Amino acid sequence: MLPMGKEPAVFLDRDGVLNYDSGYISDPKLVKILPFVREGLQQFKRMGFRTIIISNQSGVARGYFDLKTMEEVAKKVEDFLNAEETLLDAAYYCPHHPQFGSPCRCRKPQTGLIDKAMAQYNLDVKQSFFIGDKESDILCGKNAGCGTILVPENGVTYAPSQEKPDKKLRNLQEAAQWVERKRYEKTAKRTT
């Protein structure tokens, strides 16, 4: 049982988890949502999860696009997924890269963006999950104390070299189904 008022969250990398990762997306017209994303988000919302994007966008630091363009692409993703119902609660982006500027606390695998979400929402990080397609996502989730799920875009494997995810699945809907099964099994154990 969650402490009073605490909510679980699913922290989601954006490119490669919610939308196709065509590499430093600099045009909102290039945004294309991956299959089973809407279904997965709907299932997480039914289970009572906050859904929060946590995304590195180093294209800004690299000079590939500016903050305004990053925000336009972000808005396109968020508007598309929230068009019929609110499926995303919040989004946090890191525009930095240590090789193209000063270091920061918000770039994954550091937990600065999760810390911001924790400050905004009353979240139970131990009941939360980080879903991503790269090692930095898995490390960020582990650093924050979340469960971790690797969802490689289109079967492309970005398997972490050192840190293994708690589970590797094909898409966001499978991730939601796995989390729901885990919660059911945990509840069933408590009642027996």
Protein backbone atom coordinates (compact mmCIF):
# COMPACT_ATOMS: atom_id res chain seq x y z
CA MET A 1 0.00 0.00 0.00
CA LEU A 2 1.26 3.47 -0.91
CA PRO A 3 1.76 6.07 1.81
CA MET A 4 -1.15 8.51 2.00
CA GLY A 5 -1.06 10.90 -0.93
CA LYS A 6 1.94 9.34 -2.64
CA GLU A 7 1.53 8.42 -6.30
CA PRO A 8 3.58 6.09 -8.49
CA ALA A 9 5.03 7.48 -11.71
CA VAL A 10 6.27 6.11 -14.95
CA PHE A 11 9.18 8.17 -16.19
CA LEU A 12 9.50 7.91 -19.96
CA ASP A 13 12.34 8.68 -22.28
CA ARG A 14 10.86 10.39 -25.34
CA ASP A 15 12.79 9.61 -28.54
CA GLY A 16 12.81 5.87 -29.14
CA VAL A 17 10.13 5.14 -26.52
CA LEU A 18 7.21 7.44 -27.41
CA ASN A 19 8.21 8.51 -30.91
CA TYR A 20 10.58 7.25 -33.58
CA ASP A 21 14.13 8.41 -32.96
CA SER A 22 15.35 9.80 -36.27
CA GLY A 23 18.33 11.44 -34.56
CA TYR A 24 18.16 14.96 -33.12
CA ILE A 25 14.60 15.73 -34.21
CA SER A 26 14.62 19.39 -35.25
CA ASP A 27 11.30 19.64 -37.08
CA PRO A 28 7.88 19.00 -35.50
CA LYS A 29 6.74 17.56 -38.85
CA LEU A 30 9.16 14.66 -38.33
CA VAL A 31 7.45 13.50 -35.13
CA LYS A 32 5.89 10.08 -35.55
CA ILE A 33 4.51 8.24 -32.54
CA LEU A 34 5.52 4.59 -32.14
CA PRO A 35 2.93 1.77 -32.21
CA PHE A 36 1.29 0.77 -28.92
CA VAL A 37 2.31 4.00 -27.14
CA ARG A 38 -1.23 5.30 -26.67
CA GLU A 39 -2.43 1.90 -25.41
CA GLY A 40 0.47 1.65 -22.98
CA LEU A 41 -0.08 5.15 -21.62
CA GLN A 42 -3.81 4.50 -21.22
CA GLN A 43 -3.09 1.37 -19.21
CA PHE A 44 -0.61 3.19 -16.96
CA LYS A 45 -3.18 5.95 -16.35
CA ARG A 46 -5.85 3.34 -15.44
CA MET A 47 -3.41 1.92 -12.88
CA GLY A 48 -3.01 5.38 -11.32
CA PHE A 49 0.48 6.26 -12.54
CA ARG A 50 1.66 9.78 -13.26
CA THR A 51 3.23 9.76 -16.73
CA ILE A 52 6.26 12.01 -17.06
CA ILE A 53 8.74 12.49 -19.91
CA ILE A 54 12.41 12.71 -18.86
CA SER A 55 14.51 13.39 -21.97
CA ASN A 56 18.03 14.46 -22.87
CA GLN A 57 17.98 16.86 -25.83
CA SER A 58 21.66 17.55 -26.44
CA GLY A 59 20.90 18.76 -29.97
CA VAL A 60 20.52 22.19 -28.36
CA ALA A 61 24.01 22.14 -26.80
CA ARG A 62 25.45 20.74 -30.03
CA GLY A 63 23.93 23.63 -32.00
CA TYR A 64 21.69 21.42 -34.17
CA PHE A 65 18.59 23.39 -33.07
CA ASP A 66 17.65 26.04 -30.52
CA LEU A 67 15.49 25.88 -27.39
CA LYS A 68 12.46 27.21 -29.28
CA THR A 69 12.70 24.35 -31.80
CA MET A 70 13.16 21.81 -29.00
CA GLU A 71 10.00 23.18 -27.35
CA GLU A 72 8.05 23.01 -30.64
CA VAL A 73 8.99 19.35 -31.13
CA ALA A 74 8.14 18.62 -27.48
CA LYS A 75 4.76 20.34 -27.87
CA LYS A 76 3.99 18.28 -30.98
CA VAL A 77 4.63 15.00 -29.12
CA GLU A 78 2.67 16.13 -26.07
CA ASP A 79 -0.24 17.56 -28.10
CA PHE A 80 -0.53 14.38 -30.14
CA LEU A 81 -0.58 12.12 -27.08
CA ASN A 82 -2.94 14.40 -25.13
CA ALA A 83 -5.29 15.12 -28.05
CA GLU A 84 -8.18 12.89 -26.95
CA GLU A 85 -7.36 12.43 -23.26
CA THR A 86 -4.57 13.46 -20.93
CA LEU A 87 -1.99 10.72 -21.25
CA LEU A 88 1.07 12.78 -20.25
CA ASP A 89 1.19 14.69 -16.98
CA ALA A 90 4.49 16.52 -17.44
CA ALA A 91 7.70 16.69 -19.43
CA TYR A 92 11.21 17.69 -18.39
CA TYR A 93 14.06 18.19 -20.85
CA CYS A 94 17.83 18.58 -20.49
CA PRO A 95 19.31 20.66 -23.34
CA HIS A 96 22.91 20.25 -22.10
CA HIS A 97 25.90 18.10 -23.01
CA PRO A 98 29.20 18.10 -21.07
CA GLN A 99 31.30 18.21 -24.25
CA PHE A 100 29.43 21.29 -25.51
CA GLY A 101 29.15 23.40 -22.38
CA SER A 102 29.31 23.02 -18.64
CA PRO A 103 28.16 19.92 -16.78
CA CYS A 104 24.68 19.87 -15.27
CA ARG A 105 22.62 17.79 -12.83
CA CYS A 106 19.72 17.25 -15.21
CA ARG A 107 21.37 15.15 -17.92
CA LYS A 108 20.57 11.45 -17.59
CA PRO A 109 21.88 9.29 -16.00
CA GLN A 110 21.82 11.95 -13.28
CA THR A 111 18.49 12.39 -11.53
CA GLY A 112 18.01 16.17 -11.70
CA LEU A 113 14.90 15.96 -13.91
CA ILE A 114 13.35 13.24 -11.73
CA ASP A 115 14.12 15.42 -8.70
CA LYS A 116 12.17 18.28 -10.36
CA ALA A 117 9.21 15.95 -10.97
CA MET A 118 9.38 14.76 -7.35
CA ALA A 119 9.24 18.40 -6.20
CA GLN A 120 6.20 19.12 -8.39
CA TYR A 121 4.26 15.94 -7.64
CA ASN A 122 3.97 13.87 -4.48
CA LEU A 123 5.55 10.74 -5.95
CA ASP A 124 6.58 7.41 -4.47
CA VAL A 125 9.79 6.71 -6.36
CA LYS A 126 10.00 3.13 -5.01
CA GLN A 127 6.68 2.31 -6.70
CA SER A 128 7.74 4.05 -9.93
CA PHE A 129 9.39 2.86 -13.13
CA PHE A 130 11.74 4.38 -15.67
CA ILE A 131 11.16 3.20 -19.25
CA GLY A 132 13.84 3.94 -21.80
CA ASP A 133 15.76 2.65 -24.79
CA LYS A 134 19.33 3.45 -23.76
CA GLU A 135 21.78 2.77 -20.95
CA SER A 136 21.49 6.34 -19.63
CA ASP A 137 17.74 5.76 -19.07
CA ILE A 138 18.29 2.55 -17.14
CA LEU A 139 21.06 4.12 -15.05
CA CYS A 140 18.91 7.19 -14.32
CA GLY A 141 16.07 4.99 -13.11
CA LYS A 142 18.39 2.94 -10.92
CA ASN A 143 20.07 6.08 -9.56
CA ALA A 144 16.63 7.41 -8.57
CA GLY A 145 15.53 4.11 -7.00
CA CYS A 146 12.91 3.19 -9.65
CA GLY A 147 12.21 -0.06 -11.37
CA THR A 148 13.62 -0.05 -14.91
CA ILE A 149 12.33 -1.32 -18.24
CA LEU A 150 14.25 -1.32 -21.50
CA VAL A 151 12.03 -0.87 -24.55
CA PRO A 152 14.28 -0.89 -27.61
CA GLU A 153 12.70 0.96 -30.55
CA ASN A 154 11.78 -1.44 -33.36
CA GLY A 155 13.78 -4.22 -31.75
CA VAL A 156 17.05 -2.25 -31.93
CA THR A 157 19.08 -3.29 -28.92
CA TYR A 158 20.67 -0.61 -26.79
CA ALA A 159 21.36 -3.08 -24.02
CA PRO A 160 23.20 -1.50 -21.11
CA SER A 161 26.81 -2.62 -20.87
CA GLN A 162 26.90 -2.79 -17.08
CA GLU A 163 23.49 -2.12 -15.56
CA LYS A 164 20.77 -4.51 -16.60
CA PRO A 165 17.14 -3.37 -16.64
CA ASP A 166 14.60 -5.15 -14.47
CA LYS A 167 12.83 -6.17 -17.68
CA LYS A 168 13.33 -5.85 -21.42
CA LEU A 169 10.16 -5.66 -23.54
CA ARG A 170 9.19 -4.74 -27.10
CA ASN A 171 6.95 -1.72 -26.58
CA LEU A 172 5.18 0.51 -24.09
CA GLN A 173 2.00 -1.57 -24.04
CA GLU A 174 3.98 -4.69 -23.08
CA ALA A 175 5.68 -2.63 -20.37
CA ALA A 176 2.31 -1.57 -18.93
CA GLN A 177 1.05 -5.16 -19.01
CA TRP A 178 4.17 -6.40 -17.22
CA VAL A 179 3.85 -3.72 -14.52
CA GLU A 180 0.18 -4.58 -14.02
CA ARG A 181 1.04 -8.30 -13.64
CA LYS A 182 3.77 -7.45 -11.12
CA ARG A 183 1.35 -5.34 -9.09
CA TYR A 184 -1.28 -8.09 -9.19
CA GLU A 185 1.24 -10.72 -8.06
CA LYS A 186 2.42 -8.46 -5.23
CA THR A 187 -1.15 -7.85 -4.09
CA ALA A 188 -1.98 -11.57 -4.32
CA LYS A 189 1.03 -12.42 -2.13
CA ARG A 190 -0.07 -9.94 0.53
CA THR A 191 -3.59 -11.43 0.70
CA THR A 192 -2.45 -15.06 1.03
